[in-house]
Amino acid sequence: MNKDFKSYLLNKHDTTGVLPTNKSITRWALCLIRLLYPQLIHERLKNSSDIDRTFLWLEKELQHLLDSAYACQNDDNKVRAKRFMEYIPQLYRILNTDIDAILKGDPAAKDDYEVIRAYPGFYAIAFYRIAHVLWKLGIAMIPRILTEHAHSKTGIDIHPGADIDDHFFIDHGTGIVIGETAVIGKHVKLYQGVTLGALSVAKNMANTKRHPTIGNNVIIYSGASILGGETVIGDNCVIGGNVWLTKSVSDGSIVYYTSQTRIEQDKTL
């Protein structure tokens, strides 16, 4: 092995900061989800003291993760951890609207137990909701790790910076992509393979709105691609499967893709 290359690698190891492992970050988020939804665990918490201890661990562990990620201990991390914990009741309320949307929107869903235990859409949404709160608190790396964990488990890729309102329903979900600056209203339903993405843009547009805005009560069917920061889908729209959109659509529109299939008789038969 080349000596200079080995020296280069050694220098990288010496100068790269130590970050918390992805496993420790996702373990923290799973602990929170399981606290909110005991359907996911075998052993239940027995009393209020158990609840208090779990909340205390979550707060201290989050502060530890922040201290490790930023390689320093400071009051900002303590404040961020406390602000996140104060938001948990609101987080729980929003997640319950997502469960409600799945139950009302999917005839196959029998009860909340099934949704919480078996629906990849809810799994991805739960991780996104947690990551988004952290993102809004000015934390970058940890939210990305959380949503990428959900992506690897479900095939659903939601950037933590996306702004998604309540009663969000992902049906099936594999292959869904939601970009960083996407905005999604209330009571929106997405099927598998939907992309809410950006048009090809330069790197210097990183801080601009690059992804579409979706209004309230919108259904977007499988394979649809809606692109561009200036693209707005109005309220009460239905976007059909395989549609490609880079322009805005007014309220109440139905957009569908049409193709022509030709069958020619083999005259040699």
C-alpha atoms as a PDB file:
ATOM      1  CA  MET A   1       0.000   0.000   0.000  1.00  0.00           C
ATOM      2  CA  ASN A   2       1.280   3.499  -0.915  1.00  0.00           C
ATOM      3  CA  LYS A   3       2.813   5.193   2.136  1.00  0.00           C
ATOM      4  CA  ASP A   4       1.487   8.659   1.250  1.00  0.00           C
ATOM      5  CA  PHE A   5      -2.043   7.275   0.892  1.00  0.00           C
ATOM      6  CA  LYS A   6      -1.855   5.628   4.313  1.00  0.00           C
ATOM      7  CA  SER A   7      -0.600   8.891   5.824  1.00  0.00           C
ATOM      8  CA  TYR A   8      -3.464  10.725   4.194  1.00  0.00           C
ATOM      9  CA  LEU A   9      -5.995   8.292   5.686  1.00  0.00           C
ATOM     10  CA  LEU A  10      -4.387   8.529   9.120  1.00  0.00           C
ATOM     11  CA  ASN A  11      -4.642  12.311   8.985  1.00  0.00           C
ATOM     12  CA  LYS A  12      -8.336  12.028   8.076  1.00  0.00           C
ATOM     13  CA  HIS A  13      -8.922   9.810  11.101  1.00  0.00           C
ATOM     14  CA  ASP A  14      -7.026  12.231  13.353  1.00  0.00           C
ATOM     15  CA  THR A  15      -8.914  15.318  12.196  1.00  0.00           C
ATOM     16  CA  THR A  16     -12.449  13.966  11.758  1.00  0.00           C
ATOM     17  CA  GLY A  17     -14.685  14.741  14.713  1.00  0.00           C
ATOM     18  CA  VAL A  18     -16.400  11.943  16.614  1.00  0.00           C
ATOM     19  CA  LEU A  19     -20.154  11.945  16.007  1.00  0.00           C
ATOM     20  CA  PRO A  20     -22.871   9.882  17.696  1.00  0.00           C
ATOM     21  CA  THR A  21     -23.604   6.691  15.796  1.00  0.00           C
ATOM     22  CA  ASN A  22     -26.626   6.499  13.516  1.00  0.00           C
ATOM     23  CA  LYS A  23     -27.822   3.596  15.658  1.00  0.00           C
ATOM     24  CA  SER A  24     -27.815   5.681  18.841  1.00  0.00           C
ATOM     25  CA  ILE A  25     -29.731   8.482  17.097  1.00  0.00           C
ATOM     26  CA  THR A  26     -32.424   6.188  15.689  1.00  0.00           C
ATOM     27  CA  ARG A  27     -32.649   4.352  19.041  1.00  0.00           C
ATOM     28  CA  TRP A  28     -33.523   7.647  20.713  1.00  0.00           C
ATOM     29  CA  ALA A  29     -36.278   8.367  18.175  1.00  0.00           C
ATOM     30  CA  LEU A  30     -37.683   4.852  18.438  1.00  0.00           C
ATOM     31  CA  CYS A  31     -37.819   5.198  22.218  1.00  0.00           C
ATOM     32  CA  LEU A  32     -39.919   8.332  21.805  1.00  0.00           C
ATOM     33  CA  ILE A  33     -42.254   6.706  19.276  1.00  0.00           C
ATOM     34  CA  ARG A  34     -42.691   3.667  21.513  1.00  0.00           C
ATOM     35  CA  LEU A  35     -43.453   5.901  24.486  1.00  0.00           C
ATOM     36  CA  LEU A  36     -46.206   7.605  22.518  1.00  0.00           C
ATOM     37  CA  TYR A  37     -47.481   4.352  20.989  1.00  0.00           C
ATOM     38  CA  PRO A  38     -47.166   1.386  23.374  1.00  0.00           C
ATOM     39  CA  GLN A  39     -48.661  -0.815  20.640  1.00  0.00           C
ATOM     40  CA  LEU A  40     -45.039  -1.129  19.479  1.00  0.00           C
ATOM     41  CA  ILE A  41     -43.617  -2.606  22.694  1.00  0.00           C
ATOM     42  CA  HIS A  42     -44.144  -5.800  24.655  1.00  0.00           C
ATOM     43  CA  GLU A  43     -43.709  -4.384  28.168  1.00  0.00           C
ATOM     44  CA  ARG A  44     -45.841  -1.423  29.190  1.00  0.00           C
ATOM     45  CA  LEU A  45     -44.804   1.365  31.528  1.00  0.00           C
ATOM     46  CA  LYS A  46     -46.442   0.769  34.892  1.00  0.00           C
ATOM     47  CA  ASN A  47     -46.913   4.173  36.508  1.00  0.00           C
ATOM     48  CA  SER A  48     -46.304   7.909  36.224  1.00  0.00           C
ATOM     49  CA  SER A  49     -42.787   7.513  37.620  1.00  0.00           C
ATOM     50  CA  ASP A  50     -41.921   5.293  34.650  1.00  0.00           C
ATOM     51  CA  ILE A  51     -43.282   7.968  32.328  1.00  0.00           C
ATOM     52  CA  ASP A  52     -41.257  10.671  34.092  1.00  0.00           C
ATOM     53  CA  ARG A  53     -38.061   8.634  33.936  1.00  0.00           C
ATOM     54  CA  THR A  54     -38.525   7.973  30.224  1.00  0.00           C
ATOM     55  CA  PHE A  55     -39.123  11.638  29.447  1.00  0.00           C
ATOM     56  CA  LEU A  56     -36.072  12.591  31.509  1.00  0.00           C
ATOM     57  CA  TRP A  57     -33.933  10.037  29.656  1.00  0.00           C
ATOM     58  CA  LEU A  58     -35.185  11.308  26.292  1.00  0.00           C
ATOM     59  CA  GLU A  59     -34.272  14.892  27.165  1.00  0.00           C
ATOM     60  CA  LYS A  60     -30.845  14.053  28.570  1.00  0.00           C
ATOM     61  CA  GLU A  61     -30.063  11.686  25.690  1.00  0.00           C
ATOM     62  CA  LEU A  62     -31.067  14.310  23.128  1.00  0.00           C
ATOM     63  CA  GLN A  63     -28.822  16.866  24.801  1.00  0.00           C
ATOM     64  CA  HIS A  64     -26.000  14.298  24.809  1.00  0.00           C
ATOM     65  CA  LEU A  65     -26.508  13.603  21.106  1.00  0.00           C
ATOM     66  CA  LEU A  66     -26.448  17.322  20.358  1.00  0.00           C
ATOM     67  CA  ASP A  67     -23.321  17.848  22.457  1.00  0.00           C
ATOM     68  CA  SER A  68     -21.619  14.953  20.650  1.00  0.00           C
ATOM     69  CA  ALA A  69     -22.742  16.050  17.196  1.00  0.00           C
ATOM     70  CA  TYR A  70     -21.464  19.581  17.676  1.00  0.00           C
ATOM     71  CA  ALA A  71     -18.363  18.492  19.630  1.00  0.00           C
ATOM     72  CA  CYS A  72     -19.099  20.859  22.484  1.00  0.00           C
ATOM     73  CA  GLN A  73     -21.363  21.240  25.467  1.00  0.00           C
ATOM     74  CA  ASN A  74     -23.260  24.505  25.583  1.00  0.00           C
ATOM     75  CA  ASP A  75     -26.457  26.033  26.870  1.00  0.00           C
ATOM     76  CA  ASP A  76     -27.967  26.160  23.365  1.00  0.00           C
ATOM     77  CA  ASN A  77     -28.111  22.374  23.222  1.00  0.00           C
ATOM     78  CA  LYS A  78     -29.792  22.243  26.619  1.00  0.00           C
ATOM     79  CA  VAL A  79     -32.371  24.800  25.473  1.00  0.00           C
ATOM     80  CA  ARG A  80     -32.981  22.934  22.204  1.00  0.00           C
ATOM     81  CA  ALA A  81     -33.519  19.660  24.038  1.00  0.00           C
ATOM     82  CA  LYS A  82     -35.976  21.280  26.447  1.00  0.00           C
ATOM     83  CA  ARG A  83     -37.880  23.017  23.644  1.00  0.00           C
ATOM     84  CA  PHE A  84     -38.188  19.739  21.780  1.00  0.00           C
ATOM     85  CA  MET A  85     -39.586  17.998  24.840  1.00  0.00           C
ATOM     86  CA  GLU A  86     -42.139  20.787  25.327  1.00  0.00           C
ATOM     87  CA  TYR A  87     -43.346  20.197  21.759  1.00  0.00           C
ATOM     88  CA  ILE A  88     -44.027  16.481  22.236  1.00  0.00           C
ATOM     89  CA  PRO A  89     -47.777  16.868  23.060  1.00  0.00           C
ATOM     90  CA  GLN A  90     -48.233  18.821  19.802  1.00  0.00           C
ATOM     91  CA  LEU A  91     -46.168  16.230  17.937  1.00  0.00           C
ATOM     92  CA  TYR A  92     -48.426  13.498  19.330  1.00  0.00           C
ATOM     93  CA  ARG A  93     -51.546  15.413  18.278  1.00  0.00           C
ATOM     94  CA  ILE A  94     -50.325  15.759  14.692  1.00  0.00           C
ATOM     95  CA  LEU A  95     -49.270  12.115  14.465  1.00  0.00           C
ATOM     96  CA  ASN A  96     -52.734  11.090  15.627  1.00  0.00           C
ATOM     97  CA  THR A  97     -54.255  13.081  12.747  1.00  0.00           C
ATOM     98  CA  ASP A  98     -52.002  11.111  10.374  1.00  0.00           C
ATOM     99  CA  ILE A  99     -53.289   7.844  11.848  1.00  0.00           C
ATOM    100  CA  ASP A 100     -56.835   9.120  11.484  1.00  0.00           C
ATOM    101  CA  ALA A 101     -56.207   9.998   7.825  1.00  0.00           C
ATOM    102  CA  ILE A 102     -54.954   6.468   7.129  1.00  0.00           C
ATOM    103  CA  LEU A 103     -57.912   4.868   8.896  1.00  0.00           C
ATOM    104  CA  LYS A 104     -60.432   6.982   7.002  1.00  0.00           C
ATOM    105  CA  GLY A 105     -58.637   6.822   3.659  1.00  0.00           C
ATOM    106  CA  ASP A 106     -57.682   3.165   3.380  1.00  0.00           C
ATOM    107  CA  PRO A 107     -60.491   0.552   3.368  1.00  0.00           C
ATOM    108  CA  ALA A 108     -57.894  -2.111   4.234  1.00  0.00           C
ATOM    109  CA  ALA A 109     -56.960  -0.437   7.542  1.00  0.00           C
ATOM    110  CA  LYS A 110     -58.828  -2.133  10.391  1.00  0.00           C
ATOM    111  CA  ASP A 111     -57.727  -0.105  13.422  1.00  0.00           C
ATOM    112  CA  ASP A 112     -54.974   2.139  14.790  1.00  0.00           C
ATOM    113  CA  TYR A 113     -53.073  -0.890  16.111  1.00  0.00           C
ATOM    114  CA  GLU A 114     -52.609  -2.138  12.553  1.00  0.00           C
ATOM    115  CA  VAL A 115     -51.605   1.287  11.255  1.00  0.00           C
ATOM    116  CA  ILE A 116     -49.006   1.818  13.992  1.00  0.00           C
ATOM    117  CA  ARG A 117     -47.536  -1.668  13.735  1.00  0.00           C
ATOM    118  CA  ALA A 118     -47.718  -2.454  10.039  1.00  0.00           C
ATOM    119  CA  TYR A 119     -47.964   0.672   7.854  1.00  0.00           C
ATOM    120  CA  PRO A 120     -44.655   1.864   6.360  1.00  0.00           C
ATOM    121  CA  GLY A 121     -46.279   5.215   5.592  1.00  0.00           C
ATOM    122  CA  PHE A 122     -46.878   5.878   9.277  1.00  0.00           C
ATOM    123  CA  TYR A 123     -43.344   4.744  10.162  1.00  0.00           C
ATOM    124  CA  ALA A 124     -41.847   7.201   7.673  1.00  0.00           C
ATOM    125  CA  ILE A 125     -44.184  10.013   8.748  1.00  0.00           C
ATOM    126  CA  ALA A 126     -43.382   9.485  12.440  1.00  0.00           C
ATOM    127  CA  PHE A 127     -39.642   9.786  11.819  1.00  0.00           C
ATOM    128  CA  TYR A 128     -40.206  12.781   9.557  1.00  0.00           C
ATOM    129  CA  ARG A 129     -42.355  14.556  12.199  1.00  0.00           C
ATOM    130  CA  ILE A 130     -39.639  14.132  14.839  1.00  0.00           C
ATOM    131  CA  ALA A 131     -36.884  15.158  12.418  1.00  0.00           C
ATOM    132  CA  HIS A 132     -38.829  18.234  11.281  1.00  0.00           C
ATOM    133  CA  VAL A 133     -39.157  19.568  14.828  1.00  0.00           C
ATOM    134  CA  LEU A 134     -35.406  19.179  15.307  1.00  0.00           C
ATOM    135  CA  TRP A 135     -34.799  20.813  11.916  1.00  0.00           C
ATOM    136  CA  LYS A 136     -36.892  23.822  12.948  1.00  0.00           C
ATOM    137  CA  LEU A 137     -34.750  24.100  16.090  1.00  0.00           C
ATOM    138  CA  GLY A 138     -31.703  24.666  13.895  1.00  0.00           C
ATOM    139  CA  ILE A 139     -30.312  21.126  14.037  1.00  0.00           C
ATOM    140  CA  ALA A 140     -29.096  19.678  10.747  1.00  0.00           C
ATOM    141  CA  MET A 141     -27.304  16.322  10.806  1.00  0.00           C
ATOM    142  CA  ILE A 142     -29.476  14.408  13.287  1.00  0.00           C
ATOM    143  CA  PRO A 143     -32.754  15.054  11.392  1.00  0.00           C
ATOM    144  CA  ARG A 144     -31.137  13.886   8.156  1.00  0.00           C
ATOM    145  CA  ILE A 145     -29.996  10.670   9.806  1.00  0.00           C
ATOM    146  CA  LEU A 146     -33.509  10.048  11.138  1.00  0.00           C
ATOM    147  CA  THR A 147     -35.282  10.498   7.813  1.00  0.00           C
ATOM    148  CA  GLU A 148     -32.642   8.471   5.978  1.00  0.00           C
ATOM    149  CA  HIS A 149     -33.190   5.651   8.480  1.00  0.00           C
ATOM    150  CA  ALA A 150     -36.910   5.704   7.623  1.00  0.00           C
ATOM    151  CA  HIS A 151     -36.009   5.895   3.927  1.00  0.00           C
ATOM    152  CA  SER A 152     -33.870   2.762   4.192  1.00  0.00           C
ATOM    153  CA  LYS A 153     -36.671   0.912   5.997  1.00  0.00           C
ATOM    154  CA  THR A 154     -39.630   1.986   3.860  1.00  0.00           C
ATOM    155  CA  GLY A 155     -38.391   3.366   0.531  1.00  0.00           C
ATOM    156  CA  ILE A 156     -40.060   6.689   1.439  1.00  0.00           C
ATOM    157  CA  ASP A 157     -37.673   9.662   1.192  1.00  0.00           C
ATOM    158  CA  ILE A 158     -38.898  12.777   3.043  1.00  0.00           C
ATOM    159  CA  HIS A 159     -36.454  15.595   3.655  1.00  0.00           C
ATOM    160  CA  PRO A 160     -36.786  16.903   7.239  1.00  0.00           C
ATOM    161  CA  GLY A 161     -36.993  20.457   5.928  1.00  0.00           C
ATOM    162  CA  ALA A 162     -40.262  19.825   4.062  1.00  0.00           C
ATOM    163  CA  ASP A 163     -43.292  21.526   5.639  1.00  0.00           C
ATOM    164  CA  ILE A 164     -46.190  19.037   5.919  1.00  0.00           C
ATOM    165  CA  ASP A 165     -49.486  19.894   7.626  1.00  0.00           C
ATOM    166  CA  ASP A 166     -51.742  17.492   9.530  1.00  0.00           C
ATOM    167  CA  HIS A 167     -53.818  14.511   8.308  1.00  0.00           C
ATOM    168  CA  PHE A 168     -51.061  13.352   5.956  1.00  0.00           C
ATOM    169  CA  PHE A 169     -51.618   9.946   4.323  1.00  0.00           C
ATOM    170  CA  ILE A 170     -49.015   7.927   2.444  1.00  0.00           C
ATOM    171  CA  ASP A 171     -50.569   4.849   0.822  1.00  0.00           C
ATOM    172  CA  HIS A 172     -48.094   2.030   0.079  1.00  0.00           C
ATOM    173  CA  GLY A 173     -45.350   4.628  -0.263  1.00  0.00           C
ATOM    174  CA  THR A 174     -42.398   2.883  -1.917  1.00  0.00           C
ATOM    175  CA  GLY A 175     -40.461   5.323  -4.082  1.00  0.00           C
ATOM    176  CA  ILE A 176     -42.001   8.541  -2.748  1.00  0.00           C
ATOM    177  CA  VAL A 177     -39.608  11.525  -2.747  1.00  0.00           C
ATOM    178  CA  ILE A 178     -40.436  14.819  -0.991  1.00  0.00           C
ATOM    179  CA  GLY A 179     -37.823  17.554  -1.315  1.00  0.00           C
ATOM    180  CA  GLU A 180     -36.478  19.980   1.263  1.00  0.00           C
ATOM    181  CA  THR A 181     -38.578  23.042   0.384  1.00  0.00           C
ATOM    182  CA  ALA A 182     -41.827  21.250  -0.463  1.00  0.00           C
ATOM    183  CA  VAL A 183     -44.952  22.542   1.296  1.00  0.00           C
ATOM    184  CA  ILE A 184     -47.933  20.201   1.757  1.00  0.00           C
ATOM    185  CA  GLY A 185     -51.324  21.250   3.114  1.00  0.00           C
ATOM    186  CA  LYS A 186     -53.914  19.412   5.199  1.00  0.00           C
ATOM    187  CA  HIS A 187     -55.588  16.142   4.213  1.00  0.00           C
ATOM    188  CA  VAL A 188     -53.173  15.237   1.417  1.00  0.00           C
ATOM    189  CA  LYS A 189     -52.868  11.664   0.150  1.00  0.00           C
ATOM    190  CA  LEU A 190     -49.866  10.367  -1.799  1.00  0.00           C
ATOM    191  CA  TYR A 191     -49.518   7.015  -3.510  1.00  0.00           C
ATOM    192  CA  GLN A 192     -46.291   5.133  -4.269  1.00  0.00           C
ATOM    193  CA  GLY A 193     -43.753   6.582  -6.652  1.00  0.00           C
ATOM    194  CA  VAL A 194     -44.790  10.236  -6.271  1.00  0.00           C
ATOM    195  CA  THR A 195     -42.009  12.808  -6.600  1.00  0.00           C
ATOM    196  CA  LEU A 196     -42.304  16.333  -5.230  1.00  0.00           C
ATOM    197  CA  GLY A 197     -38.984  17.485  -6.573  1.00  0.00           C
ATOM    198  CA  ALA A 198     -36.926  20.290  -8.033  1.00  0.00           C
ATOM    199  CA  LEU A 199     -36.203  21.271 -11.574  1.00  0.00           C
ATOM    200  CA  SER A 200     -32.523  21.194 -12.441  1.00  0.00           C
ATOM    201  CA  VAL A 201     -31.044  24.107 -10.490  1.00  0.00           C
ATOM    202  CA  ALA A 202     -27.598  25.486  -9.736  1.00  0.00           C
ATOM    203  CA  LYS A 203     -25.928  24.902  -6.365  1.00  0.00           C
ATOM    204  CA  ASN A 204     -26.168  28.599  -5.545  1.00  0.00           C
ATOM    205  CA  MET A 205     -29.962  28.200  -5.389  1.00  0.00           C
ATOM    206  CA  ALA A 206     -29.678  25.969  -2.300  1.00  0.00           C
ATOM    207  CA  ASN A 207     -31.440  28.521  -0.092  1.00  0.00           C
ATOM    208  CA  THR A 208     -34.337  29.175  -2.465  1.00  0.00           C
ATOM    209  CA  LYS A 209     -37.678  27.379  -2.759  1.00  0.00           C
ATOM    210  CA  ARG A 210     -37.029  24.599  -5.264  1.00  0.00           C
ATOM    211  CA  HIS A 211     -39.895  22.181  -4.602  1.00  0.00           C
ATOM    212  CA  PRO A 212     -43.659  22.471  -5.180  1.00  0.00           C
ATOM    213  CA  THR A 213     -46.487  23.585  -2.918  1.00  0.00           C
ATOM    214  CA  ILE A 214     -49.449  21.232  -2.538  1.00  0.00           C
ATOM    215  CA  GLY A 215     -52.777  22.633  -1.306  1.00  0.00           C
ATOM    216  CA  ASN A 216     -55.368  21.090   1.022  1.00  0.00           C
ATOM    217  CA  ASN A 217     -57.427  17.977   0.222  1.00  0.00           C
ATOM    218  CA  VAL A 218     -55.224  16.872  -2.676  1.00  0.00           C
ATOM    219  CA  ILE A 219     -54.779  13.308  -3.948  1.00  0.00           C
ATOM    220  CA  ILE A 220     -51.696  12.457  -6.001  1.00  0.00           C
ATOM    221  CA  TYR A 221     -51.681   9.029  -7.631  1.00  0.00           C
ATOM    222  CA  SER A 222     -48.748   6.703  -8.242  1.00  0.00           C
ATOM    223  CA  GLY A 223     -45.877   7.733 -10.453  1.00  0.00           C
ATOM    224  CA  ALA A 224     -46.765  11.428 -10.641  1.00  0.00           C
ATOM    225  CA  SER A 225     -43.900  13.939 -10.685  1.00  0.00           C
ATOM    226  CA  ILE A 226     -44.536  17.528  -9.620  1.00  0.00           C
ATOM    227  CA  LEU A 227     -41.463  19.724  -9.950  1.00  0.00           C
ATOM    228  CA  GLY A 228     -40.308  23.259  -9.288  1.00  0.00           C
ATOM    229  CA  GLY A 229     -40.482  25.821  -6.504  1.00  0.00           C
ATOM    230  CA  GLU A 230     -43.021  27.977  -8.341  1.00  0.00           C
ATOM    231  CA  THR A 231     -45.380  25.073  -9.021  1.00  0.00           C
ATOM    232  CA  VAL A 232     -48.531  25.249  -6.892  1.00  0.00           C
ATOM    233  CA  ILE A 233     -51.243  22.595  -6.812  1.00  0.00           C
ATOM    234  CA  GLY A 234     -54.491  24.206  -5.634  1.00  0.00           C
ATOM    235  CA  ASP A 235     -56.922  22.867  -3.045  1.00  0.00           C
ATOM    236  CA  ASN A 236     -59.169  19.892  -3.823  1.00  0.00           C
ATOM    237  CA  CYS A 237     -57.162  18.718  -6.839  1.00  0.00           C
ATOM    238  CA  VAL A 238     -56.676  15.183  -8.112  1.00  0.00           C
ATOM    239  CA  ILE A 239     -53.398  14.452  -9.895  1.00  0.00           C
ATOM    240  CA  GLY A 240     -53.522  11.221 -11.873  1.00  0.00           C
ATOM    241  CA  GLY A 241     -50.889   8.527 -12.158  1.00  0.00           C
ATOM    242  CA  ASN A 242     -47.734   9.180 -14.214  1.00  0.00           C
ATOM    243  CA  VAL A 243     -48.536  12.889 -14.640  1.00  0.00           C
ATOM    244  CA  TRP A 244     -45.524  15.195 -15.154  1.00  0.00           C
ATOM    245  CA  LEU A 245     -46.180  18.743 -13.906  1.00  0.00           C
ATOM    246  CA  THR A 246     -43.957  21.806 -13.882  1.00  0.00           C
ATOM    247  CA  LYS A 247     -46.773  24.397 -13.952  1.00  0.00           C
ATOM    248  CA  SER A 248     -49.342  25.411 -11.358  1.00  0.00           C
ATOM    249  CA  VAL A 249     -52.855  23.951 -11.255  1.00  0.00           C
ATOM    250  CA  SER A 250     -55.914  25.873 -10.001  1.00  0.00           C
ATOM    251  CA  ASP A 251     -58.262  24.729  -7.232  1.00  0.00           C
ATOM    252  CA  GLY A 252     -60.522  21.785  -7.997  1.00  0.00           C
ATOM    253  CA  SER A 253     -58.629  20.585 -11.064  1.00  0.00           C
ATOM    254  CA  ILE A 254     -58.338  16.986 -12.214  1.00  0.00           C
ATOM    255  CA  VAL A 255     -55.107  16.308 -14.060  1.00  0.00           C
ATOM    256  CA  TYR A 256     -54.552  12.994 -15.809  1.00  0.00           C
ATOM    257  CA  TYR A 257     -52.102  11.406 -18.172  1.00  0.00           C
ATOM    258  CA  THR A 258     -53.299   9.862 -21.411  1.00  0.00           C
ATOM    259  CA  SER A 259     -51.472   7.485 -23.691  1.00  0.00           C
ATOM    260  CA  GLN A 260     -52.456   5.635 -26.839  1.00  0.00           C
ATOM    261  CA  THR A 261     -52.002   1.905 -27.108  1.00  0.00           C
ATOM    262  CA  ARG A 262     -52.039   0.459 -30.625  1.00  0.00           C
ATOM    263  CA  ILE A 263     -52.554  -3.216 -31.422  1.00  0.00           C
ATOM    264  CA  GLU A 264     -51.843  -4.276 -34.999  1.00  0.00           C
ATOM    265  CA  GLN A 265     -52.972  -7.616 -36.341  1.00  0.00           C
ATOM    266  CA  ASP A 266     -50.127  -9.823 -37.545  1.00  0.00           C
ATOM    267  CA  LYS A 267     -51.121 -10.310 -41.203  1.00  0.00           C
ATOM    268  CA  THR A 268     -48.863 -13.322 -41.584  1.00  0.00           C
ATOM    269  CA  LEU A 269     -51.147 -15.385 -39.344  1.00  0.00           C
END
